[in-house]
Amino acid sequence: MPELFGVEHILYLAISTAAASAALLLAKRYARDEKSQIVFLKVLAALLLAAIVTNRLSQVFRYDDVRWYLIIPDSFCGMTSLVLALSVLFGRRDNNVLHFVWLLGLFGGVSSSIYASYVGQGPTIFYLPTISGLLHHSISAALVVAILMFGYIEITYKKWYCTLFGFTSYLTLGAFMMQEFDMNDAFHIAEPLIEGTFLTAWGMAPLYAVGYALILFVIETVKKKRKKADAS
């Protein structure tokens, strides 16, 4: 059975990181016009959509009884992968949804690929719920990097409300799922992200808000310095 930071997990991280880096570097070099950049982003988004749909279907049929309600992602990373993929495939450049999911997609994708506590849920890393989970996290992170690399989103404090609306929507959906379906938790409303910590959704929310505010502050500071340098 695969283990966190075991041979299979480390090999996956090495191969996926190398593949993503190569794809991004090639896109940076050869996708120079807007049309080719958008094609690259939509291809990544389509791969992400395929990965998250496969992951959810694997959860539906994972148990002895078919649980169709599990087709709905019940975690921040799962729902973010779905929303991110759809926002790139069908949304416009710099749409409001991207302003909510870009940081979750990047941070969640990277952290949940590295600290993949779910790798031991099957006999091999190629167990469908495991490999599809790893893939949707990795592709989500790669897609956000590509979005930032191509300037597909203009990060600004003026869109702070997108994060508030999106986070609230996640928690509302999670509460609904816990009420209507046979679920003890959704979106870490009841159970912490890491066992033995305070990191339920209520604990993560202020930390995420502070971290996001600091990132916006740094970005806005850099923008102002660049404007001053260009003006002088």
Protein backbone atom coordinates (compact mmCIF):
# COMPACT_ATOMS: atom_id res chain seq x y z
CA MET A 1 0.00 0.00 0.00
CA PRO A 2 1.44 3.43 -0.95
CA GLU A 3 2.45 5.78 1.85
CA LEU A 4 2.71 9.53 2.20
CA PHE A 5 6.25 10.39 1.00
CA GLY A 6 6.76 6.75 0.12
CA VAL A 7 8.45 5.66 -3.10
CA GLU A 8 5.31 5.84 -5.26
CA HIS A 9 4.32 9.24 -3.93
CA ILE A 10 7.80 10.73 -4.37
CA LEU A 11 8.03 9.33 -7.91
CA TYR A 12 4.66 10.88 -8.73
CA LEU A 13 5.77 14.26 -7.40
CA ALA A 14 9.01 14.13 -9.38
CA ILE A 15 7.37 13.07 -12.65
CA SER A 16 4.38 15.42 -12.37
CA THR A 17 6.57 18.39 -11.44
CA ALA A 18 8.91 17.71 -14.36
CA ALA A 19 6.01 17.30 -16.79
CA ALA A 20 4.23 20.45 -15.60
CA SER A 21 7.45 22.50 -15.67
CA ALA A 22 8.28 21.32 -19.19
CA ALA A 23 4.76 22.11 -20.45
CA LEU A 24 4.79 25.58 -18.87
CA LEU A 25 8.26 26.41 -20.17
CA LEU A 26 7.33 25.29 -23.70
CA ALA A 27 4.11 27.31 -23.53
CA LYS A 28 6.04 30.35 -22.32
CA ARG A 29 8.44 30.06 -25.25
CA TYR A 30 6.10 29.17 -28.10
CA ALA A 31 2.63 30.48 -27.12
CA ARG A 32 3.37 34.13 -27.78
CA ASP A 33 0.06 35.37 -29.14
CA GLU A 34 -3.21 35.53 -27.24
CA LYS A 35 -4.95 32.88 -29.32
CA SER A 36 -2.32 30.20 -28.68
CA GLN A 37 -2.16 31.10 -25.00
CA ILE A 38 -5.92 30.69 -24.63
CA VAL A 39 -5.76 27.34 -26.43
CA PHE A 40 -3.10 26.17 -23.97
CA LEU A 41 -5.18 27.33 -20.99
CA LYS A 42 -8.32 25.64 -22.29
CA VAL A 43 -6.48 22.38 -22.92
CA LEU A 44 -5.23 22.42 -19.33
CA ALA A 45 -8.74 23.29 -18.12
CA ALA A 46 -10.22 20.39 -20.11
CA LEU A 47 -7.66 18.00 -18.57
CA LEU A 48 -8.51 19.37 -15.13
CA LEU A 49 -12.24 18.90 -15.74
CA ALA A 50 -11.64 15.31 -16.87
CA ALA A 51 -9.53 14.62 -13.77
CA ILE A 52 -12.01 16.03 -11.25
CA VAL A 53 -15.03 14.36 -12.91
CA THR A 54 -13.16 11.04 -12.91
CA ASN A 55 -12.27 11.55 -9.26
CA ARG A 56 -15.87 12.24 -8.28
CA LEU A 57 -17.20 9.26 -10.24
CA SER A 58 -14.61 7.06 -8.54
CA GLN A 59 -16.02 8.22 -5.19
CA VAL A 60 -19.58 7.50 -6.29
CA PHE A 61 -18.76 3.85 -7.03
CA ARG A 62 -16.11 3.38 -4.35
CA TYR A 63 -18.46 1.87 -1.77
CA ASP A 64 -20.70 -1.18 -1.81
CA ASP A 65 -23.73 1.07 -2.26
CA VAL A 66 -23.66 3.62 -5.05
CA ARG A 67 -23.62 7.12 -3.54
CA TRP A 68 -24.60 9.49 -6.32
CA TYR A 69 -24.46 12.55 -4.09
CA LEU A 70 -20.67 12.18 -3.99
CA ILE A 71 -20.56 13.39 -7.58
CA ILE A 72 -20.65 16.85 -5.97
CA PRO A 73 -17.16 17.80 -4.70
CA ASP A 74 -17.26 18.10 -0.91
CA SER A 75 -13.83 19.64 -0.33
CA PHE A 76 -12.26 23.02 -1.04
CA CYS A 77 -9.75 21.51 -3.45
CA GLY A 78 -12.28 19.35 -5.29
CA MET A 79 -14.80 22.13 -5.79
CA THR A 80 -12.05 24.58 -6.71
CA SER A 81 -10.76 22.22 -9.40
CA LEU A 82 -14.26 21.99 -10.88
CA VAL A 83 -14.96 25.73 -10.67
CA LEU A 84 -11.51 26.67 -11.98
CA ALA A 85 -11.83 24.35 -14.98
CA LEU A 86 -15.28 25.64 -15.89
CA SER A 87 -14.31 29.30 -15.41
CA VAL A 88 -11.43 28.93 -17.88
CA LEU A 89 -13.35 26.82 -20.37
CA PHE A 90 -16.46 29.00 -20.47
CA GLY A 91 -15.58 32.28 -18.75
CA ARG A 92 -13.95 35.38 -20.12
CA ARG A 93 -10.46 36.63 -19.35
CA ASP A 94 -10.20 38.08 -15.84
CA ASN A 95 -13.70 36.92 -14.86
CA ASN A 96 -14.80 37.27 -11.24
CA VAL A 97 -14.72 33.54 -10.54
CA LEU A 98 -10.99 33.43 -11.25
CA HIS A 99 -10.45 36.08 -8.58
CA PHE A 100 -11.86 33.67 -6.01
CA VAL A 101 -10.30 30.38 -7.09
CA TRP A 102 -6.79 31.28 -8.27
CA LEU A 103 -5.17 31.28 -4.82
CA LEU A 104 -7.13 28.25 -3.60
CA GLY A 105 -6.19 26.40 -6.79
CA LEU A 106 -2.52 27.23 -6.44
CA PHE A 107 -2.11 26.72 -2.70
CA GLY A 108 -4.51 23.78 -2.44
CA GLY A 109 -3.12 22.10 -5.54
CA VAL A 110 0.48 22.30 -4.37
CA SER A 111 -0.09 21.50 -0.68
CA SER A 112 -2.49 18.61 -1.33
CA SER A 113 -0.14 17.06 -3.88
CA ILE A 114 2.74 17.21 -1.42
CA TYR A 115 0.81 16.40 1.75
CA ALA A 116 -1.41 13.83 0.02
CA SER A 117 -2.86 12.08 3.05
CA TYR A 118 -5.21 10.16 0.73
CA VAL A 119 -2.48 8.15 -1.04
CA GLY A 120 -3.03 5.18 1.28
CA GLN A 121 -6.68 4.64 0.40
CA GLY A 122 -5.93 1.84 -2.09
CA PRO A 123 -3.39 -0.91 -2.81
CA THR A 124 -1.46 1.19 -5.31
CA ILE A 125 -1.07 4.83 -6.28
CA PHE A 126 -2.94 3.94 -9.49
CA TYR A 127 -6.08 3.17 -7.49
CA LEU A 128 -8.54 5.41 -9.34
CA PRO A 129 -9.65 7.65 -6.43
CA THR A 130 -5.96 8.17 -5.54
CA ILE A 131 -4.42 8.87 -8.95
CA SER A 132 -7.33 11.04 -10.07
CA GLY A 133 -7.05 12.98 -6.80
CA LEU A 134 -3.34 13.55 -7.31
CA LEU A 135 -3.88 14.58 -10.92
CA HIS A 136 -6.62 17.12 -10.31
CA HIS A 137 -4.55 18.79 -7.57
CA SER A 138 -1.44 18.93 -9.77
CA ILE A 139 -3.25 20.16 -12.89
CA SER A 140 -5.10 22.79 -10.83
CA ALA A 141 -1.79 24.24 -9.62
CA ALA A 142 -0.29 24.14 -13.13
CA LEU A 143 -3.34 25.88 -14.61
CA VAL A 144 -3.14 28.72 -12.08
CA VAL A 145 0.58 29.17 -12.82
CA ALA A 146 -0.26 29.37 -16.53
CA ILE A 147 -3.04 31.90 -15.85
CA LEU A 148 -0.62 34.12 -13.92
CA MET A 149 2.17 33.59 -16.46
CA PHE A 150 0.01 34.75 -19.37
CA GLY A 151 -1.59 37.62 -17.44
CA TYR A 152 -5.02 36.04 -17.90
CA ILE A 153 -6.06 37.59 -14.59
CA GLU A 154 -5.20 41.00 -13.14
CA ILE A 155 -4.99 40.48 -9.39
CA THR A 156 -6.33 43.48 -7.51
CA TYR A 157 -7.74 44.34 -4.10
CA LYS A 158 -10.81 45.76 -5.86
CA LYS A 159 -12.08 42.19 -6.37
CA TRP A 160 -11.82 41.21 -2.68
CA TYR A 161 -15.57 40.55 -2.54
CA CYS A 162 -15.19 37.63 -4.96
CA THR A 163 -13.33 35.69 -2.28
CA LEU A 164 -15.97 36.46 0.34
CA PHE A 165 -18.82 35.39 -1.97
CA GLY A 166 -17.02 32.23 -3.10
CA PHE A 167 -15.99 31.09 0.38
CA THR A 168 -19.51 31.68 1.68
CA SER A 169 -20.95 29.70 -1.23
CA TYR A 170 -18.68 26.75 -0.45
CA LEU A 171 -19.76 26.69 3.20
CA THR A 172 -23.42 27.04 2.27
CA LEU A 173 -23.15 24.08 -0.09
CA GLY A 174 -21.30 22.08 2.55
CA ALA A 175 -23.98 22.75 5.17
CA PHE A 176 -26.67 21.73 2.66
CA MET A 177 -24.87 18.47 1.83
CA MET A 178 -24.44 17.59 5.51
CA GLN A 179 -28.13 18.27 6.10
CA GLU A 180 -29.51 16.41 3.09
CA PHE A 181 -27.09 13.51 2.60
CA ASP A 182 -25.46 10.87 4.77
CA MET A 183 -22.34 12.93 5.42
CA ASN A 184 -20.61 13.79 8.70
CA ASP A 185 -18.59 16.59 7.13
CA ALA A 186 -18.21 18.66 3.98
CA PHE A 187 -15.74 21.45 3.27
CA HIS A 188 -14.20 20.80 6.71
CA ILE A 189 -17.11 22.48 8.48
CA ALA A 190 -17.08 19.86 11.25
CA GLU A 191 -13.71 18.10 10.94
CA PRO A 192 -10.26 19.75 10.72
CA LEU A 193 -8.17 19.65 7.57
CA ILE A 194 -5.33 18.11 9.59
CA GLU A 195 -6.36 15.81 12.42
CA GLY A 196 -5.71 17.20 15.87
CA THR A 197 -5.61 20.85 14.78
CA PHE A 198 -8.09 23.74 14.86
CA LEU A 199 -8.15 23.95 11.05
CA THR A 200 -11.84 23.49 10.38
CA ALA A 201 -13.38 25.88 7.85
CA TRP A 202 -13.93 28.35 10.68
CA GLY A 203 -10.28 28.18 11.69
CA MET A 204 -8.97 28.36 8.12
CA ALA A 205 -11.15 31.31 7.07
CA PRO A 206 -9.35 34.05 9.07
CA LEU A 207 -5.94 32.60 8.23
CA TYR A 208 -6.81 32.53 4.54
CA ALA A 209 -8.19 36.09 4.72
CA VAL A 210 -5.00 37.41 6.35
CA GLY A 211 -2.78 35.53 3.88
CA TYR A 212 -4.80 36.77 0.91
CA ALA A 213 -4.68 40.35 2.22
CA LEU A 214 -0.90 40.16 2.58
CA ILE A 215 -0.53 38.83 -0.96
CA LEU A 216 -2.71 41.64 -2.31
CA PHE A 217 -0.69 44.19 -0.33
CA VAL A 218 2.57 42.91 -1.82
CA ILE A 219 1.14 42.90 -5.35
CA GLU A 220 -0.26 46.43 -5.03
CA THR A 221 3.05 47.68 -3.59
CA VAL A 222 4.97 46.20 -6.52
CA LYS A 223 2.50 47.77 -8.98
CA LYS A 224 2.98 51.22 -7.44
CA LYS A 225 6.76 50.93 -7.52
CA ARG A 226 6.66 49.90 -11.17
CA LYS A 227 4.42 52.87 -12.05
CA LYS A 228 6.80 55.25 -10.31
CA ALA A 229 9.77 53.71 -12.11
CA ASP A 230 8.00 53.97 -15.49
CA ALA A 231 7.02 57.60 -14.81
CA SER A 232 10.54 58.67 -13.86
